[in-house]
Amino acid sequence: MNKKQLYQRVTKTTGIHQAQVRIILDQYFAEVKQEISSGGKVSVAEFGTFCIKKRAQRKARNVKRNTTLIIPAHYTPIFKASPKLLRLVKQLKKVRVTELQD
């Protein structure tokens, strides 16, 4: 699902005009970006937490040139799913595996 499909689905399920849904969701995404880019975290109950994590400096290899590269330390955004979301995904996985076996 992409953003446009998300807007359409929320519009369909809530009855709110798509232009208003777009404004609300775009503002939500902007607030999440702003908060995590300033070092904070955003927790959504029963969904998960958005935050940043510092990655340490590390070595990597360029196999074609047979050289070693140094990848500098940097921050990266991460999402940690809530236990409830993890259970839901696990149940869906079991259902799909069962469907494929039949």
N, C-alpha and C. Protein backbone atom coordinates (compact mmCIF):
# COMPACT_ATOMS: atom_id res chain seq x y z
N MET A 1 0.85 -1.17 0.00
CA MET A 1 0.00 0.00 0.00
C MET A 1 0.90 1.23 0.00
N ASN A 2 0.60 2.16 -0.89
CA ASN A 2 1.33 3.42 -0.90
C ASN A 2 0.49 4.52 -0.26
N LYS A 3 1.02 5.76 -0.25
CA LYS A 3 0.31 6.85 0.41
C LYS A 3 -1.06 7.11 -0.21
N LYS A 4 -1.12 7.10 -1.53
CA LYS A 4 -2.39 7.37 -2.21
C LYS A 4 -3.44 6.34 -1.83
N GLN A 5 -3.04 5.08 -1.80
CA GLN A 5 -3.97 4.02 -1.42
C GLN A 5 -4.39 4.17 0.04
N LEU A 6 -3.47 4.60 0.90
CA LEU A 6 -3.80 4.84 2.30
C LEU A 6 -4.83 5.95 2.42
N TYR A 7 -4.62 7.05 1.69
CA TYR A 7 -5.60 8.16 1.69
C TYR A 7 -6.97 7.65 1.27
N GLN A 8 -7.01 6.86 0.19
CA GLN A 8 -8.29 6.36 -0.32
C GLN A 8 -8.98 5.43 0.68
N ARG A 9 -8.21 4.57 1.32
CA ARG A 9 -8.81 3.64 2.28
C ARG A 9 -9.36 4.37 3.50
N VAL A 10 -8.60 5.34 4.02
CA VAL A 10 -9.07 6.11 5.18
C VAL A 10 -10.31 6.91 4.80
N THR A 11 -10.31 7.49 3.59
CA THR A 11 -11.48 8.23 3.11
C THR A 11 -12.70 7.32 3.06
N LYS A 12 -12.52 6.14 2.53
CA LYS A 12 -13.63 5.20 2.38
C LYS A 12 -14.17 4.74 3.73
N THR A 13 -13.28 4.46 4.68
CA THR A 13 -13.73 3.92 5.97
C THR A 13 -14.26 4.99 6.92
N THR A 14 -13.81 6.24 6.77
CA THR A 14 -14.24 7.28 7.70
C THR A 14 -15.30 8.21 7.13
N GLY A 15 -15.36 8.32 5.81
CA GLY A 15 -16.31 9.24 5.19
C GLY A 15 -15.80 10.67 5.14
N ILE A 16 -14.56 10.90 5.57
CA ILE A 16 -13.96 12.23 5.52
C ILE A 16 -13.43 12.45 4.10
N HIS A 17 -13.52 13.67 3.61
CA HIS A 17 -13.04 13.99 2.27
C HIS A 17 -11.56 13.68 2.15
N GLN A 18 -11.16 13.22 0.96
CA GLN A 18 -9.78 12.81 0.75
C GLN A 18 -8.80 13.96 0.95
N ALA A 19 -9.18 15.17 0.60
CA ALA A 19 -8.29 16.32 0.80
C ALA A 19 -8.00 16.53 2.28
N GLN A 20 -9.01 16.36 3.12
CA GLN A 20 -8.81 16.51 4.56
C GLN A 20 -7.97 15.37 5.12
N VAL A 21 -8.22 14.15 4.63
CA VAL A 21 -7.43 12.99 5.05
C VAL A 21 -5.97 13.20 4.69
N ARG A 22 -5.72 13.71 3.49
CA ARG A 22 -4.35 13.96 3.04
C ARG A 22 -3.66 14.96 3.96
N ILE A 23 -4.34 16.03 4.33
CA ILE A 23 -3.76 17.04 5.22
C ILE A 23 -3.42 16.43 6.58
N ILE A 24 -4.35 15.66 7.13
CA ILE A 24 -4.15 15.05 8.45
C ILE A 24 -2.98 14.06 8.44
N LEU A 25 -2.98 13.15 7.46
CA LEU A 25 -1.92 12.15 7.42
C LEU A 25 -0.56 12.77 7.10
N ASP A 26 -0.53 13.75 6.20
CA ASP A 26 0.73 14.40 5.89
C ASP A 26 1.29 15.11 7.13
N GLN A 27 0.40 15.73 7.91
CA GLN A 27 0.84 16.39 9.13
C GLN A 27 1.34 15.37 10.15
N TYR A 28 0.67 14.22 10.24
CA TYR A 28 1.11 13.16 11.14
C TYR A 28 2.52 12.70 10.77
N PHE A 29 2.73 12.43 9.48
CA PHE A 29 4.05 11.99 9.03
C PHE A 29 5.10 13.07 9.29
N ALA A 30 4.75 14.32 9.08
CA ALA A 30 5.69 15.43 9.33
C ALA A 30 6.07 15.50 10.80
N GLU A 31 5.08 15.31 11.68
CA GLU A 31 5.36 15.35 13.12
C GLU A 31 6.26 14.19 13.54
N VAL A 32 6.02 13.00 12.98
CA VAL A 32 6.87 11.84 13.29
C VAL A 32 8.30 12.12 12.83
N LYS A 33 8.45 12.62 11.59
CA LYS A 33 9.79 12.93 11.08
C LYS A 33 10.48 13.97 11.95
N GLN A 34 9.77 15.01 12.33
CA GLN A 34 10.35 16.08 13.14
C GLN A 34 10.81 15.54 14.50
N GLU A 35 9.98 14.73 15.12
CA GLU A 35 10.30 14.22 16.45
C GLU A 35 11.51 13.29 16.41
N ILE A 36 11.54 12.35 15.49
CA ILE A 36 12.68 11.41 15.48
C ILE A 36 13.95 12.07 14.96
N SER A 37 13.82 13.07 14.08
CA SER A 37 15.03 13.74 13.60
C SER A 37 15.65 14.62 14.67
N SER A 38 14.87 14.97 15.70
CA SER A 38 15.43 15.74 16.81
C SER A 38 15.86 14.84 17.97
N GLY A 39 15.87 13.52 17.74
CA GLY A 39 16.36 12.59 18.74
C GLY A 39 15.29 11.97 19.62
N GLY A 40 14.04 12.33 19.40
CA GLY A 40 12.95 11.79 20.21
C GLY A 40 12.41 10.50 19.64
N LYS A 41 11.32 10.05 20.22
CA LYS A 41 10.66 8.86 19.69
C LYS A 41 9.16 9.07 19.73
N VAL A 42 8.48 8.35 18.86
CA VAL A 42 7.02 8.44 18.77
C VAL A 42 6.47 7.04 18.99
N SER A 43 5.66 6.89 20.04
CA SER A 43 5.05 5.61 20.35
C SER A 43 3.56 5.67 20.05
N VAL A 44 3.10 4.72 19.27
CA VAL A 44 1.68 4.61 18.95
C VAL A 44 1.18 3.33 19.61
N ALA A 45 0.27 3.48 20.55
CA ALA A 45 -0.21 2.33 21.33
C ALA A 45 -0.73 1.24 20.41
N GLU A 46 -0.39 0.01 20.71
CA GLU A 46 -0.80 -1.19 20.01
C GLU A 46 -0.31 -1.25 18.56
N PHE A 47 0.62 -0.36 18.19
CA PHE A 47 1.19 -0.37 16.84
C PHE A 47 2.71 -0.49 16.91
N GLY A 48 3.38 0.49 17.54
CA GLY A 48 4.82 0.41 17.64
C GLY A 48 5.45 1.74 17.95
N THR A 49 6.78 1.77 17.87
CA THR A 49 7.55 2.96 18.21
C THR A 49 8.52 3.29 17.08
N PHE A 50 8.54 4.57 16.70
CA PHE A 50 9.49 5.09 15.73
C PHE A 50 10.58 5.82 16.52
N CYS A 51 11.85 5.56 16.20
CA CYS A 51 12.95 6.25 16.86
C CYS A 51 14.18 6.16 15.97
N ILE A 52 15.29 6.68 16.47
CA ILE A 52 16.54 6.57 15.73
C ILE A 52 17.53 5.74 16.53
N LYS A 53 18.47 5.16 15.82
CA LYS A 53 19.50 4.35 16.46
C LYS A 53 20.84 4.74 15.87
N LYS A 54 21.85 4.85 16.72
CA LYS A 54 23.19 5.17 16.24
C LYS A 54 23.88 3.88 15.83
N ARG A 55 24.35 3.88 14.60
CA ARG A 55 25.13 2.74 14.08
C ARG A 55 26.61 3.06 14.23
N ALA A 56 27.36 2.13 14.74
CA ALA A 56 28.79 2.34 14.96
C ALA A 56 29.56 2.32 13.64
N GLN A 57 30.74 2.92 13.67
CA GLN A 57 31.62 2.86 12.50
C GLN A 57 31.98 1.40 12.26
N ARG A 58 32.08 1.03 10.98
CA ARG A 58 32.43 -0.36 10.70
C ARG A 58 33.22 -0.45 9.40
N LYS A 59 33.81 -1.60 9.20
CA LYS A 59 34.56 -1.88 7.98
C LYS A 59 33.69 -2.69 7.04
N ALA A 60 33.88 -2.45 5.75
CA ALA A 60 33.18 -3.21 4.72
C ALA A 60 34.18 -3.53 3.62
N ARG A 61 33.83 -4.45 2.75
CA ARG A 61 34.73 -4.83 1.66
C ARG A 61 34.08 -4.54 0.32
N ASN A 62 34.87 -3.98 -0.58
CA ASN A 62 34.47 -3.87 -1.97
C ASN A 62 35.09 -5.08 -2.66
N VAL A 63 34.28 -6.06 -2.97
CA VAL A 63 34.78 -7.33 -3.48
C VAL A 63 35.38 -7.16 -4.88
N LYS A 64 34.77 -6.31 -5.70
CA LYS A 64 35.28 -6.12 -7.07
C LYS A 64 36.69 -5.54 -7.09
N ARG A 65 36.93 -4.57 -6.21
CA ARG A 65 38.24 -3.91 -6.17
C ARG A 65 39.17 -4.48 -5.11
N ASN A 66 38.66 -5.39 -4.29
CA ASN A 66 39.42 -6.01 -3.22
C ASN A 66 40.01 -4.95 -2.27
N THR A 67 39.13 -4.02 -1.86
CA THR A 67 39.57 -2.97 -0.94
C THR A 67 38.66 -2.95 0.29
N THR A 68 39.18 -2.37 1.35
CA THR A 68 38.42 -2.21 2.58
C THR A 68 37.92 -0.78 2.67
N LEU A 69 36.66 -0.62 3.02
CA LEU A 69 36.05 0.70 3.18
C LEU A 69 35.71 0.91 4.64
N ILE A 70 35.75 2.14 5.07
CA ILE A 70 35.29 2.49 6.41
C ILE A 70 33.94 3.20 6.26
N ILE A 71 32.93 2.61 6.83
CA ILE A 71 31.61 3.24 6.84
C ILE A 71 31.50 4.00 8.16
N PRO A 72 31.36 5.32 8.09
CA PRO A 72 31.35 6.12 9.32
C PRO A 72 30.11 5.85 10.18
N ALA A 73 30.22 6.19 11.45
CA ALA A 73 29.08 6.08 12.36
C ALA A 73 27.97 7.01 11.85
N HIS A 74 26.74 6.57 12.00
CA HIS A 74 25.61 7.38 11.54
C HIS A 74 24.34 6.97 12.28
N TYR A 75 23.34 7.79 12.17
CA TYR A 75 22.03 7.50 12.75
C TYR A 75 21.10 6.96 11.68
N THR A 76 20.22 6.06 12.07
CA THR A 76 19.26 5.51 11.13
C THR A 76 17.90 5.40 11.82
N PRO A 77 16.81 5.66 11.09
CA PRO A 77 15.49 5.51 11.70
C PRO A 77 15.12 4.04 11.83
N ILE A 78 14.45 3.71 12.92
CA ILE A 78 13.99 2.33 13.10
C ILE A 78 12.54 2.33 13.57
N PHE A 79 11.89 1.22 13.37
CA PHE A 79 10.53 1.02 13.85
C PHE A 79 10.52 -0.27 14.64
N LYS A 80 10.00 -0.21 15.86
CA LYS A 80 9.88 -1.41 16.69
C LYS A 80 8.40 -1.69 16.88
N ALA A 81 7.96 -2.81 16.36
CA ALA A 81 6.55 -3.17 16.44
C ALA A 81 6.15 -3.52 17.87
N SER A 82 4.91 -3.21 18.21
CA SER A 82 4.40 -3.54 19.54
C SER A 82 4.14 -5.05 19.64
N PRO A 83 4.09 -5.58 20.85
CA PRO A 83 3.81 -7.00 21.00
C PRO A 83 2.48 -7.41 20.36
N LYS A 84 1.48 -6.54 20.45
CA LYS A 84 0.18 -6.86 19.85
C LYS A 84 0.28 -6.97 18.33
N LEU A 85 1.01 -6.06 17.69
CA LEU A 85 1.19 -6.10 16.24
C LEU A 85 2.00 -7.34 15.85
N LEU A 86 3.01 -7.67 16.64
CA LEU A 86 3.80 -8.86 16.36
C LEU A 86 2.95 -10.13 16.41
N ARG A 87 2.07 -10.21 17.42
CA ARG A 87 1.18 -11.38 17.51
C ARG A 87 0.25 -11.47 16.31
N LEU A 88 -0.28 -10.34 15.89
CA LEU A 88 -1.19 -10.30 14.73
C LEU A 88 -0.48 -10.79 13.47
N VAL A 89 0.73 -10.31 13.25
CA VAL A 89 1.49 -10.71 12.07
C VAL A 89 1.82 -12.20 12.13
N LYS A 90 2.15 -12.67 13.30
CA LYS A 90 2.47 -14.09 13.47
C LYS A 90 1.25 -14.97 13.14
N GLN A 91 0.06 -14.53 13.58
CA GLN A 91 -1.16 -15.27 13.27
C GLN A 91 -1.43 -15.27 11.77
N LEU A 92 -1.22 -14.14 11.10
CA LEU A 92 -1.43 -14.06 9.65
C LEU A 92 -0.47 -14.99 8.93
N LYS A 93 0.76 -15.03 9.40
CA LYS A 93 1.76 -15.90 8.77
C LYS A 93 1.32 -17.36 8.87
N LYS A 94 0.81 -17.78 10.03
CA LYS A 94 0.35 -19.15 10.21
C LYS A 94 -0.81 -19.46 9.28
N VAL A 95 -1.74 -18.51 9.12
CA VAL A 95 -2.89 -18.71 8.25
C VAL A 95 -2.44 -18.87 6.81
N ARG A 96 -1.52 -18.04 6.35
CA ARG A 96 -1.05 -18.12 4.97
C ARG A 96 -0.28 -19.38 4.69
N VAL A 97 0.52 -19.83 5.64
CA VAL A 97 1.26 -21.08 5.47
C VAL A 97 0.27 -22.24 5.35
N THR A 98 -0.77 -22.24 6.17
CA THR A 98 -1.79 -23.28 6.12
C THR A 98 -2.51 -23.26 4.78
N GLU A 99 -2.83 -22.07 4.27
CA GLU A 99 -3.52 -21.94 2.99
C GLU A 99 -2.65 -22.50 1.86
N LEU A 100 -1.36 -22.24 1.91
CA LEU A 100 -0.46 -22.72 0.87
C LEU A 100 -0.29 -24.23 0.90
N GLN A 101 -0.41 -24.83 2.09
CA GLN A 101 -0.24 -26.27 2.21
C GLN A 101 -1.47 -27.04 1.72
N ASP A 102 -2.61 -26.40 1.70
CA ASP A 102 -3.85 -27.07 1.27
C ASP A 102 -3.94 -27.22 -0.23
